[in-house]
């Protein structure tokens, strides 16, 4: 039995995810979450992904300016019940999804790749592989 590849999110998943992202960001901006680990920390909600049945959502967050995201993620997961209620009051949905938070590592990964590409040995190989490209 072969495994099907993951399907792309539906338009509904994307639309609801974006609405939830805006509402969660609004709650953070207004200081609605009173956990000390979140208080005074600027947090960016980069993306919200929903399960196909729209019952579970994963919100990806990163502290603005970098830093350790673990205490922020832990605090937001502790407040997930409150956040779910906040979402329910601000978006009309038949069923409000459970929201779990994870650190968004895409910026760290992009920075790591950028640093690898700037490495003199790697850039030399890239230039040799593409003779049309001139050294900058």
Protein backbone atom coordinates (compact mmCIF):
# COMPACT_ATOMS: atom_id res chain seq x y z
CA UNK A 1 0.00 0.00 0.00
CA UNK A 2 1.60 3.27 -1.07
CA UNK A 3 1.36 6.39 0.97
CA UNK A 4 -0.23 9.44 -0.65
CA UNK A 5 1.82 12.61 -0.59
CA UNK A 6 0.51 15.44 1.58
CA UNK A 7 -2.15 17.45 -0.18
CA UNK A 8 -1.91 21.19 -0.54
CA UNK A 9 -4.19 23.11 1.84
CA UNK A 10 -7.64 24.01 0.55
CA UNK A 11 -8.74 27.59 0.03
CA UNK A 12 -10.93 27.28 3.14
CA UNK A 13 -7.98 26.09 5.25
CA UNK A 14 -5.88 29.00 3.99
CA UNK A 15 -8.63 31.57 4.54
CA UNK A 16 -9.54 30.38 8.05
CA UNK A 17 -5.85 30.07 8.96
CA UNK A 18 -5.21 33.65 7.90
CA UNK A 19 -8.20 34.91 9.90
CA UNK A 20 -7.01 33.03 12.98
CA UNK A 21 -3.50 34.44 12.47
CA UNK A 22 -4.89 37.98 12.47
CA UNK A 23 -7.01 37.40 15.58
CA UNK A 24 -4.15 35.77 17.54
CA UNK A 25 -1.79 38.58 16.52
CA UNK A 26 -4.40 41.10 17.67
CA UNK A 27 -4.67 39.37 21.06
CA UNK A 28 -0.89 39.46 21.44
CA UNK A 29 -0.67 43.09 20.35
CA UNK A 30 -3.36 44.17 22.79
CA UNK A 31 -1.67 42.33 25.68
CA UNK A 32 -4.62 40.01 26.30
CA UNK A 33 -2.31 37.16 27.34
CA UNK A 34 -0.98 37.98 30.77
CA UNK A 35 1.68 35.29 31.13
CA UNK A 36 4.99 36.85 32.29
CA UNK A 37 6.91 35.03 29.51
CA UNK A 38 4.81 36.87 26.91
CA UNK A 39 4.40 40.21 28.66
CA UNK A 40 6.51 42.88 26.99
CA UNK A 41 7.73 40.54 24.23
CA UNK A 42 6.87 41.43 20.65
CA UNK A 43 5.72 38.21 18.99
CA UNK A 44 5.10 37.65 15.31
CA UNK A 45 2.58 35.04 14.21
CA UNK A 46 4.04 33.99 10.88
CA UNK A 47 1.52 31.35 9.82
CA UNK A 48 -1.42 29.28 11.01
CA UNK A 49 -1.95 25.87 9.44
CA UNK A 50 -5.20 23.98 9.87
CA UNK A 51 -5.91 20.28 9.69
CA UNK A 52 -8.16 19.21 6.79
CA UNK A 53 -11.15 18.87 9.16
CA UNK A 54 -10.47 22.40 10.56
CA UNK A 55 -10.49 21.08 14.14
CA UNK A 56 -6.81 21.63 14.91
CA UNK A 57 -4.62 24.60 14.13
CA UNK A 58 -0.89 25.08 14.52
CA UNK A 59 0.27 28.66 14.89
CA UNK A 60 3.92 29.35 14.12
CA UNK A 61 5.40 32.18 16.17
CA UNK A 62 8.73 33.92 16.53
CA UNK A 63 9.81 36.57 19.04
CA UNK A 64 10.51 39.76 17.14
CA UNK A 65 14.24 40.42 17.08
CA UNK A 66 15.08 36.77 17.62
CA UNK A 67 15.91 35.19 20.93
CA UNK A 68 14.79 31.97 22.58
CA UNK A 69 11.29 31.09 21.42
CA UNK A 70 10.79 28.16 23.83
CA UNK A 71 9.49 30.18 26.83
CA UNK A 72 7.16 32.13 24.54
CA UNK A 73 5.84 28.96 22.87
CA UNK A 74 5.35 27.28 26.26
CA UNK A 75 3.44 30.32 27.58
CA UNK A 76 1.22 30.47 24.50
CA UNK A 77 0.47 26.75 24.76
CA UNK A 78 -0.50 27.26 28.41
CA UNK A 79 -2.85 30.04 27.28
CA UNK A 80 -4.26 28.07 24.34
CA UNK A 81 -7.67 27.67 25.99
CA UNK A 82 -7.94 31.42 26.49
CA UNK A 83 -6.76 32.02 22.91
CA UNK A 84 -9.33 29.56 21.58
CA UNK A 85 -12.03 31.52 23.39
CA UNK A 86 -10.64 34.78 22.00
CA UNK A 87 -10.78 33.31 18.49
CA UNK A 88 -14.37 32.13 19.10
CA UNK A 89 -15.45 35.64 20.12
CA UNK A 90 -13.79 37.29 17.13
CA UNK A 91 -14.43 34.91 14.21
CA UNK A 92 -17.71 33.28 13.27
CA UNK A 93 -16.96 29.58 12.89
CA UNK A 94 -19.17 26.57 13.46
CA UNK A 95 -16.35 24.80 15.31
CA UNK A 96 -13.39 26.71 16.71
CA UNK A 97 -10.17 24.74 16.26
CA UNK A 98 -7.80 23.88 19.08
CA UNK A 99 -4.73 26.06 18.66
CA UNK A 100 -1.24 24.73 19.38
CA UNK A 101 1.86 26.89 19.09
CA UNK A 102 5.26 26.05 17.64
CA UNK A 103 8.39 28.07 17.06
CA UNK A 104 8.84 29.10 13.45
CA UNK A 105 12.32 27.96 12.46
CA UNK A 106 12.07 29.00 8.80
CA UNK A 107 13.97 32.25 9.44
CA UNK A 108 16.79 30.38 11.20
CA UNK A 109 16.90 27.85 8.37
CA UNK A 110 17.02 30.62 5.73
CA UNK A 111 19.88 32.29 7.60
CA UNK A 112 21.76 29.00 7.81
CA UNK A 113 21.38 28.44 4.07
CA UNK A 114 22.47 32.03 3.36
CA UNK A 115 25.61 31.49 5.45
CA UNK A 116 26.39 28.25 3.63
CA UNK A 117 26.04 29.98 0.26
CA UNK A 118 28.37 32.79 1.40
CA UNK A 119 31.07 30.27 2.31
CA UNK A 120 34.01 30.85 -0.10
CA UNK A 121 34.30 27.14 -0.96
CA UNK A 122 30.62 26.85 -1.80
CA UNK A 123 30.46 30.10 -3.77
CA UNK A 124 33.54 28.99 -5.76
CA UNK A 125 31.74 25.74 -6.67
CA UNK A 126 28.59 27.61 -7.64
CA UNK A 127 30.53 29.92 -9.96
CA UNK A 128 32.35 26.96 -11.55
CA UNK A 129 29.07 25.11 -12.03
CA UNK A 130 27.51 28.12 -13.80
CA UNK A 131 30.09 29.57 -16.24
CA UNK A 132 27.68 32.35 -17.35
CA UNK A 133 27.68 33.76 -13.82
CA UNK A 134 30.51 36.17 -13.13
CA UNK A 135 32.13 36.75 -9.75
CA UNK A 136 30.58 39.57 -7.77
